[in-house]
Amino acid sequence: MDLIISKRLLWIAGAAYPLHNIARVYTFLLRPAKAKAVRRFVKYASFTFAATIALTIIAGLSAVGVQQDPSSLIAFVWVLAFGVGVWLLVEMFKVVGAPSHHVLAVESNGQSTALVTAPDPATLNHLVGSIAYAIEHPDVELQVRVERLLISRPSNYYYGDTVNMYGGAGNVGMAK
């Protein structure tokens, strides 16, 4: 994919960012949220196990009053729980096994952010300088080949700055 600066526009794939609307350009290491994925697995697996135990007990107790064999219902519940457990395990290992990526982020004055990557972090650092120079010198033109970064679930990654905010309306960003 091409990153092009031409006529006061930054083009990343098919998206155009006016250079005067770029608020920040920086590089960082995009890391998967591995601990969060493990906690999510433990939480949902525990809930699934507890629900399975509860359903097994309920099926057993309800069968006592009617003198029926609840084994097929109990087997279905455990097979379903096993399937959910396997799915949760696969989802966790997708995140735990995901690599970190060196990325370049371009943030605009609005809400949009573009992420691109390259095999060498030094290339990205040089590109930050080139984009910053182009912002100050609008007649500059540049074309660089970068790689597209595809992330299926952004919540599985730590992205950007971490800010803890307390309160809602009227927040000025200071704690006293």
N, C-alpha and C. Protein backbone atom coordinates (compact mmCIF):
# COMPACT_ATOMS: atom_id res chain seq x y z
N MET A 1 0.85 -1.15 0.00
CA MET A 1 0.00 0.00 0.00
C MET A 1 0.91 1.23 0.00
N ASP A 2 0.44 2.27 -0.66
CA ASP A 2 1.24 3.48 -0.79
C ASP A 2 0.79 4.55 0.19
N LEU A 3 1.77 5.25 0.75
CA LEU A 3 1.53 6.44 1.54
C LEU A 3 2.09 7.58 0.69
N ILE A 4 1.21 8.50 0.31
CA ILE A 4 1.60 9.56 -0.64
C ILE A 4 1.28 10.92 -0.02
N ILE A 5 2.24 11.84 -0.13
CA ILE A 5 2.00 13.23 0.22
C ILE A 5 2.09 14.03 -1.07
N SER A 6 0.98 14.67 -1.40
CA SER A 6 0.91 15.43 -2.65
C SER A 6 -0.15 16.51 -2.52
N LYS A 7 0.20 17.71 -2.93
CA LYS A 7 -0.75 18.84 -2.96
C LYS A 7 -1.43 19.05 -1.61
N ARG A 8 -0.65 19.07 -0.55
CA ARG A 8 -1.12 19.31 0.82
C ARG A 8 -2.09 18.25 1.33
N LEU A 9 -2.04 17.04 0.76
CA LEU A 9 -2.85 15.92 1.21
C LEU A 9 -1.95 14.73 1.52
N LEU A 10 -2.28 14.02 2.57
CA LEU A 10 -1.63 12.76 2.89
C LEU A 10 -2.60 11.65 2.51
N TRP A 11 -2.20 10.81 1.57
CA TRP A 11 -3.04 9.69 1.11
C TRP A 11 -2.49 8.41 1.72
N ILE A 12 -3.38 7.68 2.41
CA ILE A 12 -3.03 6.36 2.92
C ILE A 12 -4.07 5.42 2.36
N ALA A 13 -3.63 4.57 1.44
CA ALA A 13 -4.54 3.72 0.67
C ALA A 13 -5.54 4.64 -0.01
N GLY A 14 -6.83 4.54 0.26
CA GLY A 14 -7.82 5.38 -0.38
C GLY A 14 -8.28 6.55 0.46
N ALA A 15 -7.69 6.74 1.63
CA ALA A 15 -8.12 7.81 2.53
C ALA A 15 -7.20 9.02 2.39
N ALA A 16 -7.81 10.21 2.34
CA ALA A 16 -7.05 11.46 2.22
C ALA A 16 -7.15 12.23 3.53
N TYR A 17 -5.99 12.69 4.02
CA TYR A 17 -5.93 13.51 5.23
C TYR A 17 -5.28 14.84 4.85
N PRO A 18 -6.01 15.96 4.95
CA PRO A 18 -5.37 17.25 4.69
C PRO A 18 -4.24 17.47 5.70
N LEU A 19 -3.10 17.91 5.22
CA LEU A 19 -1.95 18.07 6.10
C LEU A 19 -2.23 19.05 7.24
N HIS A 20 -3.04 20.07 7.00
CA HIS A 20 -3.32 21.03 8.06
C HIS A 20 -4.27 20.47 9.13
N ASN A 21 -4.89 19.31 8.88
CA ASN A 21 -5.77 18.68 9.87
C ASN A 21 -5.08 17.56 10.65
N ILE A 22 -3.82 17.34 10.40
CA ILE A 22 -3.11 16.28 11.13
C ILE A 22 -2.68 16.83 12.48
N ALA A 23 -3.15 16.20 13.54
CA ALA A 23 -2.86 16.65 14.90
C ALA A 23 -1.59 16.01 15.46
N ARG A 24 -1.35 14.75 15.11
CA ARG A 24 -0.20 14.05 15.69
C ARG A 24 0.21 12.91 14.79
N VAL A 25 1.51 12.73 14.64
CA VAL A 25 2.08 11.60 13.92
C VAL A 25 3.15 11.00 14.83
N TYR A 26 3.05 9.70 15.09
CA TYR A 26 3.99 9.09 16.02
C TYR A 26 4.08 7.59 15.76
N THR A 27 5.12 6.99 16.29
CA THR A 27 5.28 5.54 16.19
C THR A 27 5.15 4.94 17.58
N PHE A 28 4.71 3.72 17.62
CA PHE A 28 4.64 3.00 18.89
C PHE A 28 4.57 1.52 18.60
N LEU A 29 4.73 0.73 19.65
CA LEU A 29 4.64 -0.72 19.55
C LEU A 29 3.23 -1.13 19.94
N LEU A 30 2.49 -1.64 18.99
CA LEU A 30 1.11 -2.09 19.22
C LEU A 30 1.19 -3.51 19.78
N ARG A 31 0.85 -3.63 21.07
CA ARG A 31 0.98 -4.91 21.76
C ARG A 31 -0.38 -5.55 21.99
N PRO A 32 -0.49 -6.86 21.82
CA PRO A 32 -1.75 -7.53 22.16
C PRO A 32 -1.99 -7.49 23.66
N ALA A 33 -3.23 -7.39 24.05
CA ALA A 33 -3.62 -7.35 25.46
C ALA A 33 -3.72 -8.79 25.97
N LYS A 34 -2.58 -9.42 26.19
CA LYS A 34 -2.54 -10.84 26.54
C LYS A 34 -3.14 -11.11 27.92
N ALA A 35 -2.78 -10.30 28.91
CA ALA A 35 -3.32 -10.52 30.26
C ALA A 35 -4.83 -10.32 30.27
N LYS A 36 -5.30 -9.35 29.52
CA LYS A 36 -6.74 -9.10 29.44
C LYS A 36 -7.45 -10.31 28.81
N ALA A 37 -6.83 -10.91 27.80
CA ALA A 37 -7.43 -12.07 27.14
C ALA A 37 -7.49 -13.27 28.09
N VAL A 38 -6.46 -13.45 28.90
CA VAL A 38 -6.45 -14.56 29.87
C VAL A 38 -7.52 -14.32 30.93
N ARG A 39 -7.62 -13.07 31.43
CA ARG A 39 -8.65 -12.76 32.42
C ARG A 39 -10.05 -12.98 31.85
N ARG A 40 -10.24 -12.57 30.59
CA ARG A 40 -11.55 -12.77 29.95
C ARG A 40 -11.86 -14.25 29.82
N PHE A 41 -10.85 -15.07 29.47
CA PHE A 41 -11.04 -16.51 29.36
C PHE A 41 -11.44 -17.10 30.71
N VAL A 42 -10.70 -16.75 31.75
CA VAL A 42 -10.98 -17.30 33.08
C VAL A 42 -12.38 -16.89 33.54
N LYS A 43 -12.75 -15.64 33.30
CA LYS A 43 -14.07 -15.15 33.70
C LYS A 43 -15.19 -15.91 33.00
N TYR A 44 -15.12 -15.99 31.68
CA TYR A 44 -16.19 -16.65 30.93
C TYR A 44 -16.17 -18.16 31.10
N ALA A 45 -14.99 -18.75 31.23
CA ALA A 45 -14.92 -20.20 31.45
C ALA A 45 -15.49 -20.54 32.83
N SER A 46 -15.21 -19.72 33.83
CA SER A 46 -15.77 -19.95 35.18
C SER A 46 -17.29 -19.84 35.15
N PHE A 47 -17.79 -18.82 34.47
CA PHE A 47 -19.24 -18.65 34.35
C PHE A 47 -19.87 -19.85 33.63
N THR A 48 -19.23 -20.29 32.55
CA THR A 48 -19.75 -21.43 31.79
C THR A 48 -19.76 -22.68 32.66
N PHE A 49 -18.68 -22.91 33.41
CA PHE A 49 -18.60 -24.09 34.27
C PHE A 49 -19.66 -24.02 35.37
N ALA A 50 -19.81 -22.85 35.99
CA ALA A 50 -20.81 -22.71 37.05
C ALA A 50 -22.23 -22.92 36.50
N ALA A 51 -22.50 -22.36 35.32
CA ALA A 51 -23.82 -22.54 34.72
C ALA A 51 -24.06 -24.01 34.36
N THR A 52 -23.03 -24.69 33.90
CA THR A 52 -23.16 -26.10 33.55
C THR A 52 -23.45 -26.94 34.79
N ILE A 53 -22.74 -26.66 35.88
CA ILE A 53 -22.99 -27.37 37.14
C ILE A 53 -24.42 -27.11 37.61
N ALA A 54 -24.84 -25.84 37.55
CA ALA A 54 -26.20 -25.48 37.99
C ALA A 54 -27.25 -26.18 37.14
N LEU A 55 -27.07 -26.20 35.83
CA LEU A 55 -28.03 -26.87 34.95
C LEU A 55 -28.04 -28.38 35.17
N THR A 56 -26.88 -28.95 35.48
CA THR A 56 -26.81 -30.38 35.77
C THR A 56 -27.60 -30.71 37.04
N ILE A 57 -27.42 -29.87 38.06
CA ILE A 57 -28.14 -30.09 39.33
C ILE A 57 -29.65 -29.92 39.11
N ILE A 58 -30.02 -28.88 38.37
CA ILE A 58 -31.46 -28.65 38.11
C ILE A 58 -32.05 -29.82 37.33
N ALA A 59 -31.33 -30.30 36.32
CA ALA A 59 -31.84 -31.43 35.54
C ALA A 59 -31.96 -32.68 36.40
N GLY A 60 -31.00 -32.90 37.27
CA GLY A 60 -31.05 -34.05 38.16
C GLY A 60 -32.20 -33.97 39.15
N LEU A 61 -32.41 -32.78 39.71
CA LEU A 61 -33.50 -32.61 40.68
C LEU A 61 -34.87 -32.68 40.01
N SER A 62 -34.98 -32.14 38.82
CA SER A 62 -36.28 -32.18 38.14
C SER A 62 -36.63 -33.60 37.68
N ALA A 63 -35.65 -34.41 37.44
CA ALA A 63 -35.90 -35.79 37.01
C ALA A 63 -36.31 -36.67 38.19
N VAL A 64 -35.95 -36.28 39.39
CA VAL A 64 -36.29 -37.09 40.57
C VAL A 64 -37.80 -37.12 40.77
N GLY A 65 -38.46 -35.98 40.58
CA GLY A 65 -39.90 -35.91 40.79
C GLY A 65 -40.70 -36.68 39.76
N VAL A 66 -40.18 -36.78 38.53
CA VAL A 66 -40.94 -37.43 37.46
C VAL A 66 -40.42 -38.83 37.14
N GLN A 67 -39.40 -39.25 37.81
CA GLN A 67 -38.82 -40.57 37.58
C GLN A 67 -38.36 -40.76 36.13
N GLN A 68 -37.69 -39.76 35.57
CA GLN A 68 -37.14 -39.87 34.21
C GLN A 68 -35.62 -39.88 34.29
N ASP A 69 -35.02 -40.38 33.22
CA ASP A 69 -33.56 -40.42 33.13
C ASP A 69 -33.08 -39.11 32.48
N PRO A 70 -32.39 -38.27 33.24
CA PRO A 70 -31.95 -36.98 32.70
C PRO A 70 -30.60 -37.04 31.97
N SER A 71 -30.08 -38.23 31.72
CA SER A 71 -28.73 -38.35 31.19
C SER A 71 -28.57 -37.69 29.81
N SER A 72 -29.58 -37.75 28.95
CA SER A 72 -29.43 -37.13 27.63
C SER A 72 -29.39 -35.60 27.74
N LEU A 73 -30.19 -35.02 28.60
CA LEU A 73 -30.17 -33.58 28.80
C LEU A 73 -28.86 -33.14 29.44
N ILE A 74 -28.40 -33.89 30.41
CA ILE A 74 -27.14 -33.56 31.07
C ILE A 74 -25.98 -33.70 30.09
N ALA A 75 -26.00 -34.73 29.26
CA ALA A 75 -24.95 -34.91 28.25
C ALA A 75 -24.94 -33.74 27.27
N PHE A 76 -26.14 -33.30 26.86
CA PHE A 76 -26.23 -32.17 25.94
C PHE A 76 -25.63 -30.90 26.57
N VAL A 77 -25.95 -30.66 27.82
CA VAL A 77 -25.43 -29.47 28.52
C VAL A 77 -23.91 -29.52 28.60
N TRP A 78 -23.34 -30.69 28.92
CA TRP A 78 -21.89 -30.80 29.03
C TRP A 78 -21.20 -30.71 27.67
N VAL A 79 -21.81 -31.27 26.63
CA VAL A 79 -21.22 -31.14 25.29
C VAL A 79 -21.23 -29.68 24.85
N LEU A 80 -22.33 -29.00 25.13
CA LEU A 80 -22.42 -27.58 24.81
C LEU A 80 -21.38 -26.77 25.59
N ALA A 81 -21.24 -27.08 26.86
CA ALA A 81 -20.25 -26.39 27.70
C ALA A 81 -18.83 -26.66 27.20
N PHE A 82 -18.57 -27.89 26.77
CA PHE A 82 -17.26 -28.22 26.22
C PHE A 82 -16.99 -27.42 24.96
N GLY A 83 -18.00 -27.30 24.09
CA GLY A 83 -17.86 -26.51 22.87
C GLY A 83 -17.58 -25.05 23.17
N VAL A 84 -18.29 -24.50 24.13
CA VAL A 84 -18.05 -23.10 24.53
C VAL A 84 -16.64 -22.96 25.10
N GLY A 85 -16.21 -23.91 25.90
CA GLY A 85 -14.86 -23.88 26.46
C GLY A 85 -13.78 -23.91 25.39
N VAL A 86 -13.97 -24.76 24.38
CA VAL A 86 -13.01 -24.82 23.28
C VAL A 86 -12.98 -23.50 22.53
N TRP A 87 -14.16 -22.93 22.26
CA TRP A 87 -14.22 -21.64 21.57
C TRP A 87 -13.52 -20.55 22.37
N LEU A 88 -13.75 -20.51 23.69
CA LEU A 88 -13.09 -19.52 24.54
C LEU A 88 -11.58 -19.70 24.53
N LEU A 89 -11.13 -20.95 24.55
CA LEU A 89 -9.70 -21.24 24.53
C LEU A 89 -9.06 -20.79 23.21
N VAL A 90 -9.73 -21.04 22.10
CA VAL A 90 -9.22 -20.61 20.79
C VAL A 90 -9.14 -19.10 20.73
N GLU A 91 -10.18 -18.41 21.21
CA GLU A 91 -10.17 -16.94 21.21
C GLU A 91 -9.03 -16.40 22.07
N MET A 92 -8.77 -17.03 23.21
CA MET A 92 -7.67 -16.59 24.06
C MET A 92 -6.33 -16.79 23.38
N PHE A 93 -6.13 -17.96 22.76
CA PHE A 93 -4.84 -18.23 22.12
C PHE A 93 -4.60 -17.38 20.88
N LYS A 94 -5.68 -16.90 20.25
CA LYS A 94 -5.51 -15.96 19.13
C LYS A 94 -4.83 -14.69 19.61
N VAL A 95 -5.20 -14.23 20.79
CA VAL A 95 -4.62 -13.00 21.33
C VAL A 95 -3.24 -13.28 21.94
N VAL A 96 -3.14 -14.35 22.72
CA VAL A 96 -1.87 -14.67 23.37
C VAL A 96 -0.77 -14.96 22.34
N GLY A 97 -1.14 -15.56 21.23
CA GLY A 97 -0.15 -15.88 20.20
C GLY A 97 0.07 -14.77 19.17
N ALA A 98 -0.66 -13.67 19.28
CA ALA A 98 -0.53 -12.58 18.30
C ALA A 98 0.77 -11.82 18.52
N PRO A 99 1.44 -11.44 17.44
CA PRO A 99 2.69 -10.69 17.58
C PRO A 99 2.43 -9.21 17.84
N SER A 100 3.45 -8.54 18.35
CA SER A 100 3.41 -7.08 18.48
C SER A 100 3.80 -6.49 17.13
N HIS A 101 3.32 -5.27 16.86
CA HIS A 101 3.61 -4.61 15.59
C HIS A 101 4.13 -3.21 15.85
N HIS A 102 5.22 -2.85 15.14
CA HIS A 102 5.66 -1.46 15.14
C HIS A 102 4.78 -0.73 14.15
N VAL A 103 4.12 0.34 14.59
CA VAL A 103 3.19 1.04 13.71
C VAL A 103 3.44 2.54 13.74
N LEU A 104 2.98 3.17 12.69
CA LEU A 104 2.96 4.62 12.60
C LEU A 104 1.49 5.02 12.65
N ALA A 105 1.16 5.93 13.55
CA ALA A 105 -0.21 6.39 13.69
C ALA A 105 -0.30 7.84 13.23
N VAL A 106 -1.31 8.14 12.44
CA VAL A 106 -1.60 9.50 12.00
C VAL A 106 -2.96 9.86 12.56
N GLU A 107 -2.98 10.81 13.49
CA GLU A 107 -4.23 11.25 14.09
C GLU A 107 -4.61 12.60 13.50
N SER A 108 -5.88 12.70 13.15
CA SER A 108 -6.38 13.97 12.62
C SER A 108 -7.03 14.77 13.74
N ASN A 109 -7.46 15.99 13.42
CA ASN A 109 -8.16 16.81 14.41
C ASN A 109 -9.49 16.20 14.80
N GLY A 110 -10.05 15.38 13.94
CA GLY A 110 -11.31 14.69 14.24
C GLY A 110 -11.05 13.40 14.97
N GLN A 111 -11.89 12.42 14.73
CA GLN A 111 -11.76 11.14 15.43
C GLN A 111 -10.97 10.11 14.64
N SER A 112 -10.63 10.39 13.40
CA SER A 112 -10.00 9.35 12.58
C SER A 112 -8.51 9.21 12.89
N THR A 113 -8.07 7.97 12.84
CA THR A 113 -6.67 7.62 13.03
C THR A 113 -6.31 6.56 12.00
N ALA A 114 -5.17 6.73 11.37
CA ALA A 114 -4.69 5.73 10.40
C ALA A 114 -3.47 5.05 10.99
N LEU A 115 -3.40 3.74 10.83
CA LEU A 115 -2.24 2.96 11.27
C LEU A 115 -1.62 2.27 10.08
N VAL A 116 -0.31 2.39 9.95
CA VAL A 116 0.42 1.65 8.93
C VAL A 116 1.63 1.03 9.61
N THR A 117 2.20 0.04 8.97
CA THR A 117 3.35 -0.63 9.54
C THR A 117 4.40 -0.84 8.47
N ALA A 118 5.59 -1.14 8.89
CA ALA A 118 6.72 -1.46 8.00
C ALA A 118 7.58 -2.49 8.72
N PRO A 119 8.35 -3.27 7.96
CA PRO A 119 9.16 -4.30 8.61
C PRO A 119 10.22 -3.72 9.55
N ASP A 120 10.68 -2.50 9.26
CA ASP A 120 11.76 -1.89 10.04
C ASP A 120 11.22 -0.68 10.80
N PRO A 121 11.34 -0.65 12.14
CA PRO A 121 10.87 0.51 12.91
C PRO A 121 11.59 1.80 12.54
N ALA A 122 12.83 1.71 12.10
CA ALA A 122 13.58 2.91 11.72
C ALA A 122 12.93 3.59 10.51
N THR A 123 12.36 2.80 9.62
CA THR A 123 11.64 3.36 8.47
C THR A 123 10.45 4.18 8.94
N LEU A 124 9.75 3.67 9.92
CA LEU A 124 8.59 4.39 10.46
C LEU A 124 9.02 5.68 11.15
N ASN A 125 10.11 5.63 11.91
CA ASN A 125 10.61 6.83 12.58
C ASN A 125 11.02 7.89 11.56
N HIS A 126 11.66 7.47 10.49
CA HIS A 126 12.05 8.40 9.42
C HIS A 126 10.80 8.98 8.76
N LEU A 127 9.79 8.17 8.59
CA LEU A 127 8.55 8.61 7.97
C LEU A 127 7.82 9.65 8.83
N VAL A 128 7.91 9.53 10.14
CA VAL A 128 7.33 10.54 11.03
C VAL A 128 7.98 11.89 10.74
N GLY A 129 9.30 11.90 10.63
CA GLY A 129 10.01 13.15 10.32
C GLY A 129 9.62 13.70 8.97
N SER A 130 9.47 12.82 7.99
CA SER A 130 9.09 13.26 6.64
C SER A 130 7.69 13.87 6.62
N ILE A 131 6.75 13.27 7.35
CA ILE A 131 5.39 13.80 7.40
C ILE A 131 5.38 15.13 8.14
N ALA A 132 6.13 15.22 9.24
CA ALA A 132 6.21 16.49 9.98
C ALA A 132 6.81 17.58 9.11
N TYR A 133 7.83 17.24 8.34
CA TYR A 133 8.44 18.22 7.43
C TYR A 133 7.43 18.66 6.37
N ALA A 134 6.65 17.72 5.86
CA ALA A 134 5.64 18.04 4.84
C ALA A 134 4.54 18.94 5.40
N ILE A 135 4.23 18.79 6.67
CA ILE A 135 3.22 19.66 7.28
C ILE A 135 3.73 21.10 7.31
N GLU A 136 5.01 21.28 7.60
CA GLU A 136 5.60 22.62 7.65
C GLU A 136 5.91 23.17 6.26
N HIS A 137 6.11 22.31 5.28
CA HIS A 137 6.46 22.71 3.91
C HIS A 137 5.45 22.07 2.95
N PRO A 138 4.33 22.73 2.69
CA PRO A 138 3.23 22.13 1.91
C PRO A 138 3.59 21.76 0.46
N ASP A 139 4.68 22.28 -0.07
CA ASP A 139 5.03 21.96 -1.46
C ASP A 139 5.77 20.63 -1.59
N VAL A 140 6.09 19.97 -0.49
CA VAL A 140 6.82 18.70 -0.50
C VAL A 140 5.92 17.59 -1.03
N GLU A 141 6.50 16.71 -1.83
CA GLU A 141 5.79 15.53 -2.31
C GLU A 141 6.60 14.31 -1.93
N LEU A 142 5.90 13.23 -1.60
CA LEU A 142 6.56 12.02 -1.10
C LEU A 142 5.69 10.82 -1.43
N GLN A 143 6.34 9.71 -1.75
CA GLN A 143 5.62 8.46 -1.95
C GLN A 143 6.45 7.34 -1.33
N VAL A 144 5.82 6.60 -0.42
CA VAL A 144 6.50 5.53 0.30
C VAL A 144 5.60 4.30 0.30
N ARG A 145 6.21 3.14 0.18
CA ARG A 145 5.47 1.88 0.24
C ARG A 145 5.47 1.41 1.69
N VAL A 146 4.27 1.21 2.25
CA VAL A 146 4.12 0.71 3.62
C VAL A 146 3.22 -0.51 3.58
N GLU A 147 3.10 -1.16 4.72
CA GLU A 147 2.25 -2.35 4.80
C GLU A 147 0.96 -2.01 5.51
N ARG A 148 -0.10 -2.68 5.11
CA ARG A 148 -1.41 -2.51 5.73
C ARG A 148 -1.43 -3.34 7.02
N LEU A 149 -2.02 -2.79 8.04
CA LEU A 149 -2.16 -3.48 9.31
C LEU A 149 -3.62 -3.88 9.48
N LEU A 150 -3.88 -5.17 9.49
CA LEU A 150 -5.24 -5.67 9.66
C LEU A 150 -5.39 -6.24 11.05
N ILE A 151 -6.32 -5.66 11.80
CA ILE A 151 -6.61 -6.13 13.15
C ILE A 151 -8.08 -6.48 13.19
N SER A 152 -8.37 -7.75 13.49
CA SER A 152 -9.76 -8.19 13.47
C SER A 152 -10.55 -7.64 14.65
N ARG A 153 -9.93 -7.52 15.81
CA ARG A 153 -10.63 -7.03 16.99
C ARG A 153 -9.70 -6.04 17.72
N PRO A 154 -9.90 -4.73 17.50
CA PRO A 154 -9.01 -3.74 18.13
C PRO A 154 -8.99 -3.80 19.65
N SER A 155 -10.05 -4.29 20.28
CA SER A 155 -10.06 -4.34 21.74
C SER A 155 -9.05 -5.34 22.28
N ASN A 156 -8.47 -6.17 21.43
CA ASN A 156 -7.46 -7.13 21.86
C ASN A 156 -6.07 -6.53 21.92
N TYR A 157 -5.94 -5.23 21.64
CA TYR A 157 -4.65 -4.56 21.63
C TYR A 157 -4.66 -3.35 22.53
N TYR A 158 -3.48 -3.05 23.10
CA TYR A 158 -3.29 -1.80 23.82
C TYR A 158 -2.95 -0.76 22.77
N TYR A 159 -3.75 0.28 22.67
CA TYR A 159 -3.57 1.25 21.61
C TYR A 159 -3.57 2.65 22.19
N GLY A 160 -2.56 3.43 21.87
CA GLY A 160 -2.52 4.84 22.24
C GLY A 160 -2.24 5.07 23.70
N ASP A 161 -2.50 6.30 24.10
CA ASP A 161 -2.24 6.73 25.46
C ASP A 161 -3.34 6.22 26.39
N THR A 162 -2.97 5.99 27.64
CA THR A 162 -3.95 5.59 28.65
C THR A 162 -4.24 6.80 29.52
N VAL A 163 -5.50 7.17 29.58
CA VAL A 163 -5.92 8.32 30.37
C VAL A 163 -7.05 7.88 31.29
N ASN A 164 -6.90 8.14 32.58
CA ASN A 164 -7.97 7.86 33.53
C ASN A 164 -8.73 9.15 33.79
N MET A 165 -10.02 9.15 33.50
CA MET A 165 -10.84 10.34 33.71
C MET A 165 -11.88 10.04 34.78
N TYR A 166 -12.08 10.99 35.66
CA TYR A 166 -13.06 10.87 36.71
C TYR A 166 -14.13 11.93 36.50
N GLY A 167 -15.37 11.53 36.52
CA GLY A 167 -16.45 12.49 36.33
C GLY A 167 -16.89 12.54 34.89
N GLY A 168 -17.97 13.21 34.63
CA GLY A 168 -18.51 13.27 33.28
C GLY A 168 -18.54 14.68 32.76
N ALA A 169 -19.70 15.30 32.74
CA ALA A 169 -19.87 16.63 32.16
C ALA A 169 -19.04 17.65 32.93
N GLY A 170 -18.42 18.54 32.20
CA GLY A 170 -17.64 19.61 32.82
C GLY A 170 -16.24 19.18 33.22
N ASN A 171 -15.77 18.02 32.79
CA ASN A 171 -14.45 17.56 33.14
C ASN A 171 -13.41 18.41 32.43
N VAL A 172 -12.48 18.97 33.19
CA VAL A 172 -11.42 19.79 32.60
C VAL A 172 -10.08 19.07 32.58
N GLY A 173 -10.08 17.81 32.96
CA GLY A 173 -8.87 17.00 32.87
C GLY A 173 -7.92 17.14 34.03
N MET A 174 -8.36 17.74 35.14
CA MET A 174 -7.49 17.89 36.30
C MET A 174 -8.15 17.27 37.52
N ALA A 175 -7.35 16.63 38.34
CA ALA A 175 -7.85 16.10 39.61
C ALA A 175 -7.26 16.94 40.73
N LYS A 176 -8.10 17.39 41.64
CA LYS A 176 -7.61 18.22 42.77
C LYS A 176 -7.86 17.50 44.07
